Amino acid sequence: MQPIVHSIFEEKTSTWQYIVACPSTKEAVIVDPVLDFDQERLKIGTESAQKLLATVTSNGYQVVRLLETHAHADHLTASSYLQKSLMASGKPRPPICIGKRIRTVQETFAKIYDIPQDEITDVFDHLFNDDEQFRIGTLTATVLHLPGHTPDHVGYLIGENVFTGDSIFNPDVGSARCDFPGGESRALWNSTQKLLSLPPHYRLYTGHDYPPASGGSSDGSKSRDAAPFTTVKQQREDNKHVKNGTSKDEFVRWRSERDAGLREPKLLHPALQVNARGGRLPKNTHKGGVFFKLWVDVPADLM
């Protein structure tokens, strides 16, 4: 039996969110939900999360887990908001789950942003071990450790589908950056090879998509709509960074050169401060809002 998959694209951060459901029991999980952040108005919203809840309600699903693939640096997670909303509507409390290496990531960013220890302790309900299995109704899901983009990164194998997060992108996009703390291009190569070793018909559902704009891109890619998945076969044949015939050294060299010239994600600072807290906001509140901390590099003579 294969799951029912609802793919919901959040355009501002180019993020794919997924609701994955058991056809026979209507139990479901939500993967990588987005909390909206308007950077210009410094305003947080729940429009994207409300769309997920509407899909859950209209299909009569019972959400049994909220799944994160990693601590995202480009969007704020809506897991905590969804958990509270589902409980407020009388539904059972779905645990927020992520890979066990999130602890290392939390400690790293707690130091950078001076996050109090009590705001990162036990904020996730369950930390998965590598290859751990869990049930979604009659379906069995398996946790895959897929490091490289971040050290805590996991994917979820459900039926003949893998929800890969940022461990691989669609073929004309290629691969994700590896320059965050604990990221490593050789580890990402190994993770992509783990995915590409799966049966050719398996679907790889990506965490983001950045389709070429109207008219195509400079490398000849044609314009297209955002796509949630491609097959392992398509990735093996067409992924511009890791397709058949690409060597590990070639990938590592290109990825390292590419990452050295990238700008930081626009929502890096608010995203990491919320995501390290499991989707909760900082406790430093004022007049109905919250304060985020911003690290700024300054010359020594200004200190």
Protein backbone atom coordinates (compact mmCIF):
# COMPACT_ATOMS: atom_id res chain seq x y z
CA MET A 1 0.00 0.00 0.00
CA GLN A 2 1.28 3.45 -0.92
CA PRO A 3 0.48 6.64 1.03
CA ILE A 4 -1.68 9.50 -0.12
CA VAL A 5 0.62 12.50 -0.57
CA HIS A 6 -0.54 16.11 -0.56
CA SER A 7 2.19 18.47 -1.81
CA ILE A 8 1.73 22.11 -0.81
CA PHE A 9 4.21 24.67 -2.17
CA GLU A 10 5.06 27.79 -0.16
CA GLU A 11 6.19 30.27 -2.79
CA LYS A 12 7.99 32.91 -0.71
CA THR A 13 10.59 30.44 0.57
CA SER A 14 10.16 27.93 -2.29
CA THR A 15 9.44 25.22 0.28
CA TRP A 16 7.54 22.00 -0.32
CA GLN A 17 5.35 20.94 2.60
CA TYR A 18 3.81 17.48 2.68
CA ILE A 19 0.86 15.75 4.26
CA VAL A 20 1.37 11.99 4.01
CA ALA A 21 -1.60 9.82 4.91
CA CYS A 22 -2.53 6.16 5.24
CA PRO A 23 -5.44 5.47 2.83
CA SER A 24 -7.12 2.92 5.07
CA THR A 25 -6.89 4.55 8.52
CA LYS A 26 -6.64 8.28 7.65
CA GLU A 27 -3.70 8.68 10.00
CA ALA A 28 -1.29 11.29 8.64
CA VAL A 29 1.99 13.09 9.21
CA ILE A 30 2.99 16.60 8.17
CA VAL A 31 6.52 17.12 6.88
CA ASP A 32 8.40 20.46 7.11
CA PRO A 33 5.51 22.92 7.61
CA VAL A 34 6.15 26.64 7.15
CA LEU A 35 5.38 29.56 9.45
CA ASP A 36 5.14 32.73 7.36
CA PHE A 37 7.61 35.54 8.03
CA ASP A 38 7.26 38.96 6.38
CA GLN A 39 10.76 40.38 6.60
CA GLU A 40 9.85 43.87 5.47
CA ARG A 41 7.02 44.30 7.97
CA LEU A 42 8.67 42.09 10.62
CA LYS A 43 5.48 40.13 10.98
CA ILE A 44 4.84 36.42 11.53
CA GLY A 45 1.74 34.84 10.02
CA THR A 46 0.01 31.46 9.83
CA GLU A 47 -1.55 31.48 6.36
CA SER A 48 0.55 28.56 5.12
CA ALA A 49 -0.14 26.55 8.26
CA GLN A 50 -3.86 27.22 7.94
CA LYS A 51 -3.81 25.72 4.45
CA LEU A 52 -2.29 22.56 5.89
CA LEU A 53 -4.95 22.40 8.60
CA ALA A 54 -7.69 22.93 6.03
CA THR A 55 -6.38 19.98 4.00
CA VAL A 56 -6.26 17.82 7.12
CA THR A 57 -9.83 18.74 8.05
CA SER A 58 -11.31 18.36 4.57
CA ASN A 59 -9.86 14.86 4.24
CA GLY A 60 -10.73 13.73 7.77
CA TYR A 61 -7.12 12.99 8.71
CA GLN A 62 -5.77 12.42 12.20
CA VAL A 63 -2.27 13.89 12.41
CA VAL A 64 -0.12 11.48 14.41
CA ARG A 65 3.29 13.15 13.97
CA LEU A 66 4.82 16.43 12.87
CA LEU A 67 8.10 15.66 11.10
CA GLU A 68 11.12 17.89 10.57
CA THR A 69 13.92 16.88 8.23
CA HIS A 70 16.42 19.31 9.83
CA ALA A 71 16.84 22.71 11.44
CA HIS A 72 15.96 24.90 8.46
CA ALA A 73 17.89 28.10 7.79
CA ASP A 74 15.53 29.55 5.19
CA HIS A 75 12.10 29.35 6.79
CA LEU A 76 10.48 29.15 10.22
CA THR A 77 8.83 25.86 11.11
CA ALA A 78 5.12 25.82 11.90
CA SER A 79 5.27 22.53 13.83
CA SER A 80 4.67 24.05 17.26
CA TYR A 81 1.79 26.18 15.95
CA LEU A 82 0.18 23.17 14.26
CA GLN A 83 0.53 21.09 17.40
CA LYS A 84 -1.26 23.74 19.48
CA SER A 85 -3.95 24.26 16.83
CA LEU A 86 -4.75 20.56 16.54
CA MET A 87 -4.99 20.21 20.32
CA ALA A 88 -7.20 23.31 20.55
CA SER A 89 -9.61 21.69 18.10
CA GLY A 90 -9.89 18.62 20.32
CA LYS A 91 -7.46 16.42 18.41
CA PRO A 92 -4.79 14.26 20.10
CA ARG A 93 -1.41 15.93 20.60
CA PRO A 94 0.88 14.95 17.71
CA PRO A 95 4.55 14.76 18.73
CA ILE A 96 7.08 16.99 16.98
CA CYS A 97 9.89 14.75 15.71
CA ILE A 98 13.38 15.25 14.27
CA GLY A 99 16.69 13.38 14.06
CA LYS A 100 18.72 12.88 17.23
CA ARG A 101 21.62 15.07 16.07
CA ILE A 102 19.47 18.16 16.50
CA ARG A 103 21.03 18.47 19.97
CA THR A 104 24.40 19.37 18.43
CA VAL A 105 22.76 21.92 16.14
CA GLN A 106 20.83 23.44 19.04
CA GLU A 107 23.98 23.87 21.10
CA THR A 108 25.77 25.51 18.17
CA PHE A 109 23.09 28.12 17.57
CA ALA A 110 22.31 28.64 21.23
CA LYS A 111 25.85 29.97 21.55
CA ILE A 112 25.58 32.16 18.45
CA TYR A 113 22.23 33.68 19.43
CA ASP A 114 22.62 33.45 23.20
CA ILE A 115 19.50 31.28 23.54
CA PRO A 116 18.78 30.29 27.16
CA GLN A 117 19.21 26.57 27.79
CA ASP A 118 15.63 26.17 29.02
CA GLU A 119 14.35 27.37 25.64
CA ILE A 120 16.01 24.51 23.72
CA THR A 121 15.67 21.68 26.24
CA ASP A 122 13.03 19.04 25.42
CA VAL A 123 11.35 21.24 22.79
CA PHE A 124 11.11 18.25 20.44
CA ASP A 125 8.89 15.41 21.60
CA HIS A 126 10.85 12.64 19.95
CA LEU A 127 14.39 12.38 18.55
CA PHE A 128 14.74 9.65 15.94
CA ASN A 129 17.60 7.19 15.83
CA ASP A 130 19.10 6.29 12.47
CA ASP A 131 16.93 3.73 10.66
CA GLU A 132 14.21 3.95 13.32
CA GLN A 133 10.80 2.88 12.15
CA PHE A 134 7.35 4.14 13.08
CA ARG A 135 3.79 3.58 11.94
CA ILE A 136 1.37 5.81 10.05
CA GLY A 137 -1.75 3.72 10.22
CA THR A 138 -0.89 0.53 8.32
CA LEU A 139 2.18 2.12 6.71
CA THR A 140 5.73 1.74 7.99
CA ALA A 141 8.06 4.76 7.82
CA THR A 142 11.85 4.53 8.14
CA VAL A 143 14.16 7.36 9.21
CA LEU A 144 17.21 7.83 6.96
CA HIS A 145 20.20 9.84 8.20
CA LEU A 146 21.15 12.11 5.28
CA PRO A 147 23.84 14.52 6.50
CA GLY A 148 25.81 17.04 4.46
CA HIS A 149 23.52 20.04 4.13
CA THR A 150 23.33 19.97 7.94
CA PRO A 151 24.62 17.31 10.36
CA ASP A 152 21.17 16.57 11.79
CA HIS A 153 19.49 16.02 8.43
CA VAL A 154 17.14 13.06 7.99
CA GLY A 155 14.71 11.86 5.36
CA TYR A 156 11.60 9.71 5.68
CA LEU A 157 11.07 6.58 3.59
CA ILE A 158 7.33 5.88 3.42
CA GLY A 159 6.27 3.18 0.99
CA GLU A 160 8.12 3.81 -2.27
CA ASN A 161 8.63 7.49 -1.48
CA VAL A 162 11.38 9.40 0.31
CA PHE A 163 10.78 12.85 1.74
CA THR A 164 14.33 14.03 1.30
CA GLY A 165 14.33 17.53 2.76
CA ASP A 166 17.40 19.32 1.36
CA SER A 167 19.53 16.21 0.82
CA ILE A 168 18.83 16.33 -2.93
CA PHE A 169 17.01 18.75 -5.22
CA ASN A 170 15.27 18.23 -8.53
CA PRO A 171 17.64 17.39 -11.42
CA ASP A 172 17.90 20.88 -12.93
CA VAL A 173 18.57 22.39 -9.47
CA GLY A 174 21.01 19.73 -8.27
CA SER A 175 22.11 19.91 -4.65
CA ALA A 176 21.99 22.06 -1.51
CA ARG A 177 24.73 24.14 0.08
CA CYS A 178 26.99 22.58 2.70
CA ASP A 179 28.46 25.68 4.37
CA PHE A 180 26.33 25.76 7.53
CA PRO A 181 27.98 24.68 10.81
CA GLY A 182 28.47 20.93 10.62
CA GLY A 183 27.68 20.79 6.90
CA GLU A 184 30.10 18.87 4.70
CA SER A 185 30.14 18.25 0.96
CA ARG A 186 31.57 14.72 1.17
CA ALA A 187 28.80 13.77 3.58
CA LEU A 188 26.21 15.22 1.20
CA TRP A 189 27.66 13.19 -1.66
CA ASN A 190 27.30 10.03 0.41
CA SER A 191 23.71 10.96 1.25
CA THR A 192 22.82 11.48 -2.40
CA GLN A 193 24.33 8.10 -3.26
CA LYS A 194 22.22 6.45 -0.55
CA LEU A 195 19.13 7.91 -2.21
CA LEU A 196 20.26 7.05 -5.74
CA SER A 197 20.84 3.43 -4.71
CA LEU A 198 17.10 2.98 -4.14
CA PRO A 199 14.95 1.25 -6.79
CA PRO A 200 14.65 3.41 -9.93
CA HIS A 201 10.87 3.92 -9.67
CA TYR A 202 10.98 5.29 -6.12
CA ARG A 203 9.92 8.92 -5.80
CA LEU A 204 12.19 11.49 -4.15
CA TYR A 205 10.12 14.34 -2.73
CA THR A 206 12.36 17.38 -2.26
CA GLY A 207 12.24 20.05 0.44
CA HIS A 208 12.51 22.95 -2.00
CA ASP A 209 12.28 23.66 -5.68
CA TYR A 210 13.71 26.60 -7.59
CA PRO A 211 12.41 26.14 -11.13
CA PRO A 212 14.01 28.18 -13.92
CA ALA A 213 12.15 31.42 -14.50
CA SER A 214 10.16 32.18 -17.63
CA GLY A 215 12.45 31.84 -20.63
CA GLY A 216 14.74 29.33 -18.94
CA SER A 217 18.11 29.73 -17.26
CA SER A 218 21.66 30.38 -18.38
CA ASP A 219 22.55 26.67 -18.37
CA GLY A 220 19.81 25.88 -20.86
CA SER A 221 17.18 24.60 -18.42
CA LYS A 222 13.66 25.23 -19.65
CA SER A 223 11.10 27.11 -17.57
CA ARG A 224 8.68 24.89 -15.66
CA ASP A 225 6.35 24.83 -12.69
CA ALA A 226 7.58 23.82 -9.25
CA ALA A 227 7.65 20.02 -8.98
CA PRO A 228 7.49 18.10 -5.69
CA PHE A 229 9.26 14.93 -6.84
CA THR A 230 11.20 13.08 -9.47
CA THR A 231 12.09 9.38 -9.59
CA VAL A 232 15.41 7.87 -8.61
CA LYS A 233 15.88 6.97 -12.29
CA GLN A 234 15.42 10.59 -13.36
CA GLN A 235 17.86 11.77 -10.73
CA ARG A 236 20.48 9.22 -11.76
CA GLU A 237 20.22 10.29 -15.38
CA ASP A 238 19.71 14.05 -15.13
CA ASN A 239 20.74 15.57 -11.78
CA LYS A 240 23.27 18.17 -12.85
CA HIS A 241 25.44 17.73 -9.75
CA VAL A 242 25.31 14.00 -8.94
CA LYS A 243 24.12 12.14 -12.06
CA ASN A 244 25.74 8.93 -13.27
CA GLY A 245 29.34 9.51 -14.27
CA THR A 246 29.99 12.27 -11.72
CA SER A 247 32.86 11.56 -9.35
CA LYS A 248 32.86 12.30 -5.63
CA ASP A 249 35.94 14.51 -5.95
CA GLU A 250 34.36 16.46 -8.80
CA PHE A 251 31.22 17.07 -6.75
CA VAL A 252 33.13 18.09 -3.62
CA ARG A 253 35.33 20.50 -5.57
CA TRP A 254 32.38 22.15 -7.34
CA ARG A 255 30.20 22.30 -4.23
CA SER A 256 32.97 23.89 -2.16
CA GLU A 257 33.68 26.53 -4.80
CA ARG A 258 29.99 27.28 -5.20
CA ASP A 259 29.31 27.56 -1.47
CA ALA A 260 32.18 30.01 -1.00
CA GLY A 261 30.33 32.57 -3.13
CA LEU A 262 26.80 32.19 -1.74
CA ARG A 263 25.04 34.80 0.36
CA GLU A 264 23.36 33.76 3.57
CA PRO A 265 19.63 32.90 3.35
CA LYS A 266 17.36 35.92 3.81
CA LEU A 267 15.57 34.45 6.82
CA LEU A 268 18.66 32.84 8.36
CA HIS A 269 18.61 34.60 11.74
CA PRO A 270 14.90 34.39 12.65
CA ALA A 271 14.65 30.89 11.18
CA LEU A 272 17.45 29.40 13.25
CA GLN A 273 16.31 31.10 16.45
CA VAL A 274 12.81 29.64 16.05
CA ASN A 275 13.81 26.26 14.65
CA ALA A 276 16.38 25.60 17.37
CA ARG A 277 13.46 26.08 19.78
CA GLY A 278 11.38 23.47 17.97
CA GLY A 279 9.14 26.10 16.39
CA ARG A 280 8.56 28.10 19.57
CA LEU A 281 9.16 31.84 19.63
CA PRO A 282 11.72 33.53 21.91
CA LYS A 283 10.39 34.27 25.38
CA ASN A 284 11.72 37.82 25.17
CA THR A 285 8.37 39.51 24.44
CA HIS A 286 7.21 43.13 24.34
CA LYS A 287 3.83 44.66 23.46
CA GLY A 288 2.50 41.59 21.67
CA GLY A 289 5.71 40.88 19.77
CA VAL A 290 9.02 39.13 20.28
CA PHE A 291 12.65 40.20 19.97
CA PHE A 292 15.10 38.28 17.79
CA LYS A 293 18.84 38.68 18.13
CA LEU A 294 20.95 39.69 15.14
CA TRP A 295 24.67 38.97 15.01
CA VAL A 296 26.61 41.69 13.19
CA ASP A 297 30.32 41.62 12.29
CA VAL A 298 31.98 44.95 13.15
CA PRO A 299 35.56 46.29 12.99
CA ALA A 300 37.57 46.04 16.20
CA ASP A 301 37.87 49.83 16.52
CA LEU A 302 34.10 50.15 16.76
CA MET A 303 33.85 47.82 19.74
